[in-house]
Amino acid sequence: MPCLDEEAHIERFLRGVIEQDYPADRLEIVVADGGSTDRTCATVQRLAAEDPRIALIDNPGRLQAAGMNEAIKRSRGDVIVRMDVHAEYARD
């Protein structure tokens, strides 16, 4: 998911994604940061240390579309789901 300065929301969001009932070995979580100046990156890095499915990448293009492109390039799966930090998703 693309993000920028989401310190207030990123941990809650990522914990919700981690708790999905989708098979854990088939889920990777790619966060494309567009140059956050708050603690967004530090939070993502801390959570990535707890869960190796989380990856933080740079989005030098800063825009959401550029972030998605970077995340897609980095992804290894056959299915890509775009998620937004300001949304809540059911576990299933």
N, C-alpha and C. Protein backbone atom coordinates (compact mmCIF):
# COMPACT_ATOMS: atom_id res chain seq x y z
N MET A 1 0.84 -1.17 0.00
CA MET A 1 0.00 0.00 0.00
C MET A 1 0.88 1.24 0.00
N PRO A 2 0.49 2.23 -0.77
CA PRO A 2 1.23 3.49 -0.74
C PRO A 2 0.85 4.25 0.53
N CYS A 3 1.80 5.01 1.07
CA CYS A 3 1.49 5.82 2.24
C CYS A 3 2.42 7.03 2.32
N LEU A 4 1.99 7.99 3.10
CA LEU A 4 2.77 9.20 3.35
C LEU A 4 2.29 9.80 4.66
N ASP A 5 3.19 9.93 5.61
CA ASP A 5 2.88 10.54 6.92
C ASP A 5 1.63 9.94 7.56
N GLU A 6 1.67 8.63 7.78
CA GLU A 6 0.54 7.90 8.35
C GLU A 6 0.81 7.39 9.76
N GLU A 7 1.66 8.08 10.49
CA GLU A 7 2.03 7.66 11.84
C GLU A 7 0.81 7.34 12.70
N ALA A 8 -0.22 8.14 12.60
CA ALA A 8 -1.41 7.97 13.46
C ALA A 8 -2.23 6.73 13.10
N HIS A 9 -2.03 6.16 11.92
CA HIS A 9 -2.90 5.08 11.46
C HIS A 9 -2.19 3.79 11.07
N ILE A 10 -0.91 3.86 10.75
CA ILE A 10 -0.23 2.72 10.11
C ILE A 10 -0.15 1.48 10.99
N GLU A 11 0.08 1.63 12.28
CA GLU A 11 0.20 0.44 13.12
C GLU A 11 -1.13 -0.30 13.23
N ARG A 12 -2.19 0.41 13.49
CA ARG A 12 -3.51 -0.23 13.58
C ARG A 12 -3.84 -0.93 12.26
N PHE A 13 -3.58 -0.24 11.17
CA PHE A 13 -3.86 -0.81 9.86
C PHE A 13 -3.05 -2.10 9.64
N LEU A 14 -1.74 -2.04 9.85
CA LEU A 14 -0.89 -3.21 9.60
C LEU A 14 -1.25 -4.37 10.52
N ARG A 15 -1.56 -4.09 11.76
CA ARG A 15 -1.96 -5.18 12.67
C ARG A 15 -3.24 -5.84 12.16
N GLY A 16 -4.15 -5.06 11.59
CA GLY A 16 -5.36 -5.63 11.00
C GLY A 16 -5.05 -6.51 9.80
N VAL A 17 -4.09 -6.11 9.00
CA VAL A 17 -3.70 -6.92 7.84
C VAL A 17 -3.03 -8.20 8.30
N ILE A 18 -2.16 -8.11 9.29
CA ILE A 18 -1.47 -9.28 9.83
C ILE A 18 -2.47 -10.30 10.35
N GLU A 19 -3.57 -9.84 10.90
CA GLU A 19 -4.57 -10.73 11.50
C GLU A 19 -5.55 -11.32 10.49
N GLN A 20 -5.35 -11.06 9.21
CA GLN A 20 -6.21 -11.65 8.18
C GLN A 20 -6.15 -13.18 8.28
N ASP A 21 -7.25 -13.84 7.92
CA ASP A 21 -7.23 -15.30 7.97
C ASP A 21 -6.74 -15.92 6.66
N TYR A 22 -6.27 -15.10 5.75
CA TYR A 22 -5.65 -15.60 4.52
C TYR A 22 -4.39 -16.37 4.92
N PRO A 23 -4.06 -17.45 4.24
CA PRO A 23 -2.89 -18.25 4.65
C PRO A 23 -1.63 -17.38 4.78
N ALA A 24 -1.05 -17.43 5.94
CA ALA A 24 0.09 -16.56 6.27
C ALA A 24 1.26 -16.74 5.30
N ASP A 25 1.47 -17.96 4.83
CA ASP A 25 2.60 -18.21 3.94
C ASP A 25 2.36 -17.70 2.52
N ARG A 26 1.16 -17.20 2.25
CA ARG A 26 0.84 -16.68 0.91
C ARG A 26 0.61 -15.18 0.92
N LEU A 27 0.90 -14.53 2.05
CA LEU A 27 0.63 -13.10 2.20
C LEU A 27 1.93 -12.33 2.37
N GLU A 28 2.11 -11.32 1.56
CA GLU A 28 3.20 -10.38 1.76
C GLU A 28 2.58 -8.98 1.81
N ILE A 29 3.14 -8.15 2.63
CA ILE A 29 2.60 -6.81 2.86
C ILE A 29 3.68 -5.81 2.47
N VAL A 30 3.44 -5.08 1.40
CA VAL A 30 4.44 -4.14 0.89
C VAL A 30 3.93 -2.73 1.12
N VAL A 31 4.67 -1.97 1.90
CA VAL A 31 4.34 -0.57 2.19
C VAL A 31 5.31 0.31 1.39
N ALA A 32 4.76 1.13 0.51
CA ALA A 32 5.56 2.03 -0.32
C ALA A 32 5.44 3.43 0.24
N ASP A 33 6.49 3.87 0.92
CA ASP A 33 6.46 5.18 1.58
C ASP A 33 6.95 6.28 0.65
N GLY A 34 6.15 7.34 0.57
CA GLY A 34 6.45 8.45 -0.33
C GLY A 34 7.27 9.57 0.30
N GLY A 35 8.04 9.26 1.34
CA GLY A 35 8.89 10.28 1.94
C GLY A 35 8.33 10.85 3.24
N SER A 36 7.75 10.01 4.04
CA SER A 36 7.16 10.46 5.31
C SER A 36 8.17 11.20 6.17
N THR A 37 7.69 12.23 6.84
CA THR A 37 8.54 13.01 7.74
C THR A 37 8.17 12.76 9.21
N ASP A 38 7.18 11.91 9.44
CA ASP A 38 6.80 11.56 10.81
C ASP A 38 7.41 10.18 11.13
N ARG A 39 6.83 9.44 12.04
CA ARG A 39 7.38 8.15 12.45
C ARG A 39 6.76 6.96 11.70
N THR A 40 6.17 7.22 10.55
CA THR A 40 5.58 6.14 9.76
C THR A 40 6.60 5.04 9.47
N CYS A 41 7.73 5.40 8.92
CA CYS A 41 8.74 4.41 8.53
C CYS A 41 9.27 3.65 9.75
N ALA A 42 9.50 4.33 10.84
CA ALA A 42 9.99 3.67 12.05
C ALA A 42 8.97 2.65 12.54
N THR A 43 7.70 3.00 12.47
CA THR A 43 6.65 2.08 12.90
C THR A 43 6.61 0.86 11.99
N VAL A 44 6.67 1.07 10.68
CA VAL A 44 6.65 -0.06 9.74
C VAL A 44 7.87 -0.94 9.96
N GLN A 45 9.04 -0.35 10.15
CA GLN A 45 10.26 -1.13 10.38
C GLN A 45 10.16 -1.95 11.66
N ARG A 46 9.60 -1.37 12.69
CA ARG A 46 9.43 -2.10 13.96
C ARG A 46 8.51 -3.30 13.76
N LEU A 47 7.41 -3.10 13.06
CA LEU A 47 6.47 -4.19 12.82
C LEU A 47 7.08 -5.23 11.87
N ALA A 48 7.89 -4.80 10.91
CA ALA A 48 8.55 -5.72 10.00
C ALA A 48 9.54 -6.61 10.74
N ALA A 49 10.14 -6.08 11.80
CA ALA A 49 11.05 -6.89 12.62
C ALA A 49 10.28 -7.99 13.35
N GLU A 50 9.00 -7.75 13.62
CA GLU A 50 8.14 -8.74 14.28
C GLU A 50 7.54 -9.73 13.27
N ASP A 51 7.34 -9.28 12.05
CA ASP A 51 6.65 -10.10 11.04
C ASP A 51 7.36 -9.93 9.69
N PRO A 52 8.07 -10.95 9.25
CA PRO A 52 8.85 -10.83 8.01
C PRO A 52 8.01 -10.68 6.74
N ARG A 53 6.71 -10.81 6.84
CA ARG A 53 5.85 -10.61 5.67
C ARG A 53 5.73 -9.13 5.31
N ILE A 54 6.12 -8.25 6.23
CA ILE A 54 6.03 -6.81 6.00
C ILE A 54 7.33 -6.30 5.41
N ALA A 55 7.19 -5.53 4.33
CA ALA A 55 8.37 -4.91 3.70
C ALA A 55 8.08 -3.43 3.50
N LEU A 56 9.06 -2.61 3.80
CA LEU A 56 8.99 -1.17 3.57
C LEU A 56 9.88 -0.84 2.39
N ILE A 57 9.30 -0.20 1.38
CA ILE A 57 10.08 0.23 0.22
C ILE A 57 9.88 1.72 0.01
N ASP A 58 10.80 2.32 -0.72
CA ASP A 58 10.69 3.74 -1.04
C ASP A 58 9.80 3.96 -2.25
N ASN A 59 9.08 5.06 -2.20
CA ASN A 59 8.27 5.51 -3.34
C ASN A 59 8.79 6.89 -3.72
N PRO A 60 9.84 6.93 -4.52
CA PRO A 60 10.42 8.23 -4.88
C PRO A 60 9.48 9.10 -5.71
N GLY A 61 8.48 8.49 -6.34
CA GLY A 61 7.51 9.27 -7.12
C GLY A 61 6.47 9.97 -6.25
N ARG A 62 6.40 9.60 -4.97
CA ARG A 62 5.55 10.19 -3.95
C ARG A 62 4.04 10.01 -4.17
N LEU A 63 3.57 9.92 -5.38
CA LEU A 63 2.14 9.78 -5.64
C LEU A 63 1.69 8.34 -5.38
N GLN A 64 0.38 8.17 -5.09
CA GLN A 64 -0.14 6.83 -4.81
C GLN A 64 0.09 5.88 -5.97
N ALA A 65 -0.16 6.33 -7.19
CA ALA A 65 0.02 5.46 -8.35
C ALA A 65 1.48 5.01 -8.48
N ALA A 66 2.40 5.91 -8.24
CA ALA A 66 3.82 5.56 -8.29
C ALA A 66 4.15 4.56 -7.20
N GLY A 67 3.58 4.73 -6.02
CA GLY A 67 3.79 3.79 -4.92
C GLY A 67 3.25 2.41 -5.25
N MET A 68 2.09 2.35 -5.88
CA MET A 68 1.54 1.07 -6.29
C MET A 68 2.46 0.39 -7.30
N ASN A 69 2.96 1.15 -8.25
CA ASN A 69 3.87 0.58 -9.25
C ASN A 69 5.12 0.00 -8.59
N GLU A 70 5.67 0.73 -7.63
CA GLU A 70 6.86 0.24 -6.91
C GLU A 70 6.53 -1.03 -6.13
N ALA A 71 5.38 -1.04 -5.48
CA ALA A 71 4.97 -2.21 -4.70
C ALA A 71 4.74 -3.42 -5.61
N ILE A 72 4.12 -3.20 -6.75
CA ILE A 72 3.87 -4.30 -7.69
C ILE A 72 5.19 -4.87 -8.19
N LYS A 73 6.14 -4.01 -8.50
CA LYS A 73 7.46 -4.48 -8.95
C LYS A 73 8.12 -5.37 -7.90
N ARG A 74 7.93 -5.03 -6.65
CA ARG A 74 8.56 -5.73 -5.52
C ARG A 74 7.83 -7.02 -5.16
N SER A 75 6.56 -7.11 -5.49
CA SER A 75 5.73 -8.24 -5.10
C SER A 75 6.13 -9.52 -5.82
N ARG A 76 5.91 -10.63 -5.13
CA ARG A 76 6.23 -11.93 -5.69
C ARG A 76 4.99 -12.76 -6.01
N GLY A 77 3.84 -12.37 -5.51
CA GLY A 77 2.64 -13.18 -5.65
C GLY A 77 1.94 -13.06 -6.99
N ASP A 78 0.99 -13.93 -7.19
CA ASP A 78 0.17 -13.93 -8.41
C ASP A 78 -1.02 -12.99 -8.28
N VAL A 79 -1.46 -12.75 -7.06
CA VAL A 79 -2.62 -11.90 -6.80
C VAL A 79 -2.16 -10.68 -6.02
N ILE A 80 -2.58 -9.51 -6.48
CA ILE A 80 -2.22 -8.26 -5.80
C ILE A 80 -3.51 -7.59 -5.34
N VAL A 81 -3.55 -7.22 -4.08
CA VAL A 81 -4.71 -6.53 -3.52
C VAL A 81 -4.23 -5.17 -3.04
N ARG A 82 -4.84 -4.13 -3.55
CA ARG A 82 -4.49 -2.78 -3.12
C ARG A 82 -5.30 -2.47 -1.86
N MET A 83 -4.61 -2.06 -0.83
CA MET A 83 -5.27 -1.72 0.43
C MET A 83 -4.91 -0.29 0.78
N ASP A 84 -5.76 0.35 1.55
CA ASP A 84 -5.54 1.73 1.97
C ASP A 84 -5.44 1.81 3.49
N VAL A 85 -4.53 2.63 3.96
CA VAL A 85 -4.26 2.76 5.38
C VAL A 85 -5.48 3.26 6.15
N HIS A 86 -6.34 4.03 5.53
CA HIS A 86 -7.50 4.58 6.22
C HIS A 86 -8.74 3.71 6.07
N ALA A 87 -8.56 2.45 5.76
CA ALA A 87 -9.69 1.53 5.63
C ALA A 87 -9.54 0.40 6.64
N GLU A 88 -10.66 -0.21 6.98
CA GLU A 88 -10.67 -1.38 7.83
C GLU A 88 -11.18 -2.55 7.00
N TYR A 89 -10.57 -3.72 7.20
CA TYR A 89 -10.91 -4.88 6.42
C TYR A 89 -11.31 -6.02 7.36
N ALA A 90 -12.34 -6.77 6.96
CA ALA A 90 -12.74 -7.94 7.73
C ALA A 90 -11.61 -8.96 7.70
N ARG A 91 -11.52 -9.76 8.74
CA ARG A 91 -10.46 -10.78 8.83
C ARG A 91 -10.50 -11.76 7.68
N ASP A 92 -11.67 -11.95 7.09
CA ASP A 92 -11.81 -12.95 6.02
C ASP A 92 -11.97 -12.29 4.67
